[in-house]
Amino acid sequence: LSLLTKNVDVVIHAAGMNALDCKNNPIEAMQFNGLITAKLLKASVTNRVKKFFFLSTAHVYSSFLYGFFDEESKCTNTHPYPASKIVAENYIKYINQTYEIDACILRVSNVIGPPMSVYSDVWHLVTNDFCKQAFDHDKLIIKTNGIQERDFITIYDFQRAIDHLINLEKISENNVFNLSSGKSKSIKKIASLVQNRAKALFGINLSVQVNKNDISSHDKVTLSNNKLKETGYKFLNNYQFAIDETLNFIKKNYD
């Protein structure tokens, strides 16, 4: 890790075990998401890295994300995935207060956009799943009743926000930010966007099928991004472009 961070100005730590792997291997989750993050950050401090970004998750707030959350909300989720992220976050907060480094925690909401590689394991994510279904079936199948509202950020705002923070001379003492759109959309609305764009781009006619047996309530999540906006960042929230790029990626690589 020392060699990886030598002569480096900025570290963006995006490696980590996903939620399913963490659930199946909770000890490994703590070791990788927690301990390895701590070692990477310590190496960054030793090699005088200027800025360190850790990709955490909005799921640290609660096992049942419902209501309003900002960066001051308590982190109470005990699932091995967010719990291992919380361990890493606590160490980052300690290092940030103790050493000369801008160590930043980014709590990411649901990202819309194509992956970097065909080998990326991202097709379980709801928007990517819908985009993949557009080429596999004649309908988009929603596993719930579709009325639940979640926060979705495009991959392009995600990338631009990190670039914005990198270019700030000094971020802040409390370097925790929600990477979110600040707005909620229903799962059914996301499916409808994919349905419309598949028709416009490729002439694919899709119906949307919800799970009528699902009696889940209309729970809404709002993840505040005011703190990021206060640094001067301006969101684009171009969902159509992000969905188009995802559909084009699938068409190109999986046809």
Protein backbone atom coordinates (compact mmCIF):
# COMPACT_ATOMS: atom_id res chain seq x y z
CA LEU A 1 0.00 0.00 0.00
CA SER A 2 2.92 2.29 0.62
CA LEU A 3 4.08 1.88 -2.98
CA LEU A 4 0.55 2.53 -4.29
CA THR A 5 0.37 5.90 -2.55
CA LYS A 6 3.93 7.09 -3.21
CA ASN A 7 4.19 10.31 -5.27
CA VAL A 8 0.39 10.53 -5.40
CA ASP A 9 -1.62 13.70 -4.73
CA VAL A 10 -5.13 12.22 -4.55
CA VAL A 11 -6.43 8.76 -3.62
CA ILE A 12 -9.99 7.74 -4.56
CA HIS A 13 -10.71 4.55 -2.63
CA ALA A 14 -13.49 2.79 -4.56
CA ALA A 15 -12.54 -0.81 -3.80
CA GLY A 16 -14.72 -2.84 -1.47
CA MET A 17 -16.95 -5.84 -0.97
CA ASN A 18 -20.55 -5.48 -2.10
CA ALA A 19 -23.60 -5.95 0.13
CA LEU A 20 -24.21 -9.62 -0.73
CA ASP A 21 -20.58 -10.64 -0.24
CA CYS A 22 -20.49 -8.76 3.07
CA LYS A 23 -23.61 -10.56 4.26
CA ASN A 24 -22.11 -13.93 3.38
CA ASN A 25 -18.65 -13.09 4.78
CA PRO A 26 -19.06 -10.52 7.58
CA ILE A 27 -15.56 -11.04 9.01
CA GLU A 28 -13.95 -10.53 5.61
CA ALA A 29 -16.13 -7.45 5.17
CA MET A 30 -14.70 -5.91 8.33
CA GLN A 31 -11.18 -6.83 7.26
CA PHE A 32 -11.44 -5.47 3.72
CA ASN A 33 -13.86 -2.54 3.97
CA GLY A 34 -12.59 -1.59 7.42
CA LEU A 35 -9.01 -2.69 8.07
CA ILE A 36 -7.67 -2.37 4.51
CA THR A 37 -9.20 1.10 4.25
CA ALA A 38 -7.42 2.08 7.46
CA LYS A 39 -4.10 0.75 6.16
CA LEU A 40 -4.52 2.53 2.82
CA LEU A 41 -5.29 5.80 4.57
CA LYS A 42 -2.32 5.42 6.93
CA ALA A 43 -0.05 4.82 3.93
CA SER A 44 -1.52 7.93 2.31
CA VAL A 45 -0.69 9.98 5.40
CA THR A 46 2.86 8.60 5.49
CA ASN A 47 3.40 9.49 1.83
CA ARG A 48 1.86 12.95 2.26
CA VAL A 49 -1.13 12.41 -0.04
CA LYS A 50 -3.09 15.67 -0.13
CA LYS A 51 -6.63 14.31 -0.47
CA PHE A 52 -8.20 10.93 0.24
CA PHE A 53 -11.74 10.03 -0.84
CA PHE A 54 -13.57 7.02 0.57
CA LEU A 55 -16.71 5.79 -1.20
CA SER A 56 -19.13 4.85 1.54
CA THR A 57 -22.87 4.29 1.22
CA ALA A 58 -26.08 6.08 2.20
CA HIS A 59 -27.15 2.80 3.79
CA VAL A 60 -25.00 3.59 6.83
CA TYR A 61 -27.90 5.68 8.14
CA SER A 62 -30.44 2.93 8.68
CA SER A 63 -31.40 -0.63 7.82
CA PHE A 64 -34.72 0.81 6.68
CA LEU A 65 -34.07 4.01 4.74
CA TYR A 66 -37.22 6.06 5.25
CA GLY A 67 -37.50 9.79 5.75
CA PHE A 68 -34.93 12.57 5.65
CA PHE A 69 -31.20 12.13 6.15
CA ASP A 70 -28.34 14.60 6.09
CA GLU A 71 -24.69 14.17 7.05
CA GLU A 72 -25.47 14.81 10.72
CA SER A 73 -28.00 11.94 10.91
CA LYS A 74 -26.96 9.01 13.10
CA CYS A 75 -25.50 5.91 11.43
CA THR A 76 -27.32 2.93 12.91
CA ASN A 77 -27.30 0.18 10.26
CA THR A 78 -25.81 -3.07 11.60
CA HIS A 79 -25.85 -5.04 8.32
CA PRO A 80 -22.25 -6.21 7.62
CA TYR A 81 -22.00 -4.03 4.48
CA PRO A 82 -22.77 -0.59 5.96
CA ALA A 83 -21.38 -1.64 9.36
CA SER A 84 -17.98 -2.27 7.78
CA LYS A 85 -18.22 1.11 6.04
CA ILE A 86 -18.97 2.77 9.39
CA VAL A 87 -15.80 1.23 10.86
CA ALA A 88 -13.79 2.77 8.01
CA GLU A 89 -15.59 6.10 8.36
CA ASN A 90 -14.76 6.37 12.07
CA TYR A 91 -11.07 5.81 11.41
CA ILE A 92 -11.11 8.37 8.58
CA LYS A 93 -12.70 10.96 10.89
CA TYR A 94 -9.99 10.33 13.47
CA ILE A 95 -7.17 10.63 10.90
CA ASN A 96 -8.70 13.77 9.41
CA GLN A 97 -8.67 15.48 12.81
CA THR A 98 -5.16 14.30 13.68
CA TYR A 99 -3.04 14.56 10.54
CA GLU A 100 -2.51 16.98 7.65
CA ILE A 101 -4.71 15.35 5.02
CA ASP A 102 -8.10 16.12 3.51
CA ALA A 103 -9.72 12.73 4.15
CA CYS A 104 -13.23 12.79 2.74
CA ILE A 105 -16.19 10.41 3.20
CA LEU A 106 -18.67 10.23 0.33
CA ARG A 107 -21.98 8.53 1.16
CA VAL A 108 -23.30 7.45 -2.21
CA SER A 109 -26.97 6.96 -3.07
CA ASN A 110 -28.29 4.90 -6.04
CA VAL A 111 -26.16 5.58 -9.11
CA ILE A 112 -27.56 5.62 -12.66
CA GLY A 113 -25.11 5.10 -15.52
CA PRO A 114 -23.02 2.57 -17.43
CA PRO A 115 -20.13 0.72 -15.76
CA MET A 116 -16.51 1.14 -16.85
CA SER A 117 -16.21 -2.51 -17.84
CA VAL A 118 -18.38 -5.43 -18.95
CA TYR A 119 -16.86 -7.32 -16.04
CA SER A 120 -18.33 -4.95 -13.46
CA ASP A 121 -20.90 -6.68 -11.26
CA VAL A 122 -23.53 -3.94 -11.32
CA TRP A 123 -26.56 -5.53 -12.94
CA HIS A 124 -28.33 -6.10 -9.63
CA LEU A 125 -28.69 -2.31 -9.25
CA VAL A 126 -32.27 -1.36 -10.02
CA THR A 127 -31.77 0.98 -12.99
CA ASN A 128 -29.12 -1.23 -14.58
CA ASP A 129 -31.40 -4.21 -14.04
CA PHE A 130 -34.22 -2.45 -15.90
CA CYS A 131 -31.88 -1.49 -18.75
CA LYS A 132 -30.68 -5.08 -19.05
CA GLN A 133 -34.26 -6.37 -18.96
CA ALA A 134 -35.10 -4.07 -21.89
CA PHE A 135 -33.04 -6.33 -24.15
CA ASP A 136 -33.84 -9.63 -22.45
CA HIS A 137 -37.65 -9.48 -22.16
CA ASP A 138 -40.68 -7.75 -23.60
CA LYS A 139 -41.47 -6.18 -20.26
CA LEU A 140 -39.79 -4.58 -17.28
CA ILE A 141 -40.48 -6.57 -14.14
CA ILE A 142 -40.52 -4.64 -10.85
CA LYS A 143 -40.08 -6.91 -7.84
CA THR A 144 -42.16 -4.60 -5.62
CA ASN A 145 -45.32 -2.56 -6.18
CA GLY A 146 -43.04 0.20 -7.47
CA ILE A 147 -44.33 3.05 -5.34
CA GLN A 148 -41.28 3.27 -3.09
CA GLU A 149 -39.28 6.46 -3.67
CA ARG A 150 -35.48 6.46 -3.62
CA ASP A 151 -32.71 8.93 -4.35
CA PHE A 152 -30.92 8.48 -7.67
CA ILE A 153 -27.75 10.29 -8.76
CA THR A 154 -26.31 10.01 -12.26
CA ILE A 155 -22.81 8.63 -12.73
CA TYR A 156 -21.91 11.95 -14.35
CA ASP A 157 -22.89 14.03 -11.30
CA PHE A 158 -21.07 11.44 -9.20
CA GLN A 159 -17.88 11.95 -11.25
CA ARG A 160 -18.22 15.73 -11.51
CA ALA A 161 -18.81 16.08 -7.77
CA ILE A 162 -15.61 14.20 -6.94
CA ASP A 163 -13.69 16.28 -9.48
CA HIS A 164 -15.16 19.43 -7.90
CA LEU A 165 -14.03 18.38 -4.42
CA ILE A 166 -10.55 17.49 -5.69
CA ASN A 167 -10.16 20.99 -7.08
CA LEU A 168 -11.23 22.75 -3.89
CA GLU A 169 -8.25 24.24 -2.08
CA LYS A 170 -9.60 23.02 1.26
CA ILE A 171 -12.76 21.00 1.70
CA SER A 172 -13.77 21.43 5.35
CA GLU A 173 -13.10 20.08 8.82
CA ASN A 174 -16.14 17.80 8.68
CA ASN A 175 -15.44 16.02 5.40
CA VAL A 176 -18.61 13.94 5.08
CA PHE A 177 -20.86 14.45 2.05
CA ASN A 178 -23.96 12.78 0.69
CA LEU A 179 -23.49 12.10 -3.02
CA SER A 180 -27.17 12.29 -3.85
CA SER A 181 -29.56 14.19 -6.09
CA GLY A 182 -31.51 15.54 -3.12
CA LYS A 183 -34.73 14.43 -4.81
CA SER A 184 -36.71 11.19 -4.77
CA LYS A 185 -38.15 9.19 -7.65
CA SER A 186 -40.37 6.13 -7.45
CA ILE A 187 -39.10 2.79 -8.70
CA LYS A 188 -42.01 2.79 -11.13
CA LYS A 189 -40.93 6.21 -12.45
CA ILE A 190 -37.41 4.90 -13.12
CA ALA A 191 -38.86 1.90 -14.96
CA SER A 192 -41.02 4.29 -17.02
CA LEU A 193 -37.93 6.33 -17.98
CA VAL A 194 -36.16 3.17 -19.17
CA GLN A 195 -39.31 2.10 -21.03
CA ASN A 196 -39.50 5.44 -22.87
CA ARG A 197 -35.80 5.59 -23.75
CA ALA A 198 -35.70 1.98 -25.02
CA LYS A 199 -38.59 2.87 -27.33
CA ALA A 200 -36.96 6.12 -28.50
CA LEU A 201 -33.49 4.66 -29.10
CA PHE A 202 -34.16 1.15 -30.34
CA GLY A 203 -37.88 0.94 -31.08
CA ILE A 204 -38.34 -1.60 -28.28
CA ASN A 205 -41.90 -1.81 -26.97
CA LEU A 206 -41.97 -2.70 -23.29
CA SER A 207 -44.71 -3.01 -20.73
CA VAL A 208 -44.07 -2.41 -17.04
CA GLN A 209 -45.14 -5.14 -14.64
CA VAL A 210 -45.33 -4.53 -10.90
CA ASN A 211 -45.69 -7.07 -8.13
CA LYS A 212 -49.37 -6.71 -7.23
CA ASN A 213 -48.94 -8.98 -4.21
CA ASP A 214 -46.43 -6.61 -2.63
CA ILE A 215 -48.10 -4.59 0.11
CA SER A 216 -45.10 -2.40 0.93
CA SER A 217 -46.00 1.12 1.98
CA HIS A 218 -45.18 4.30 0.08
CA ASP A 219 -41.89 4.92 1.86
CA LYS A 220 -39.87 7.91 0.66
CA VAL A 221 -36.18 8.61 1.19
CA THR A 222 -34.70 12.08 0.92
CA LEU A 223 -30.91 12.38 1.10
CA SER A 224 -29.89 16.00 1.53
CA ASN A 225 -27.09 17.25 -0.70
CA ASN A 226 -27.13 20.81 0.63
CA LYS A 227 -23.67 20.44 2.15
CA LEU A 228 -22.18 19.61 -1.25
CA LYS A 229 -24.09 22.48 -2.87
CA GLU A 230 -22.65 24.86 -0.28
CA THR A 231 -19.18 24.13 -1.66
CA GLY A 232 -20.33 25.53 -5.02
CA TYR A 233 -21.22 22.31 -6.81
CA LYS A 234 -24.13 22.51 -9.26
CA PHE A 235 -26.04 19.33 -10.12
CA LEU A 236 -27.07 18.42 -13.67
CA ASN A 237 -29.40 15.52 -12.78
CA ASN A 238 -29.59 14.44 -16.44
CA TYR A 239 -31.30 11.08 -15.92
CA GLN A 240 -32.25 10.66 -19.57
CA PHE A 241 -28.64 10.90 -20.74
CA ALA A 242 -27.47 8.44 -18.06
CA ILE A 243 -30.14 5.91 -19.02
CA ASP A 244 -29.37 6.36 -22.73
CA GLU A 245 -25.69 5.69 -22.10
CA THR A 246 -26.51 2.58 -20.06
CA LEU A 247 -28.80 1.21 -22.78
CA ASN A 248 -26.16 1.94 -25.44
CA PHE A 249 -23.50 0.21 -23.35
CA ILE A 250 -25.63 -2.93 -23.05
CA LYS A 251 -26.54 -2.89 -26.75
CA LYS A 252 -22.88 -2.57 -27.72
CA ASN A 253 -21.46 -5.18 -25.34
CA TYR A 254 -24.24 -7.76 -24.89
CA ASP A 255 -26.15 -7.76 -28.16
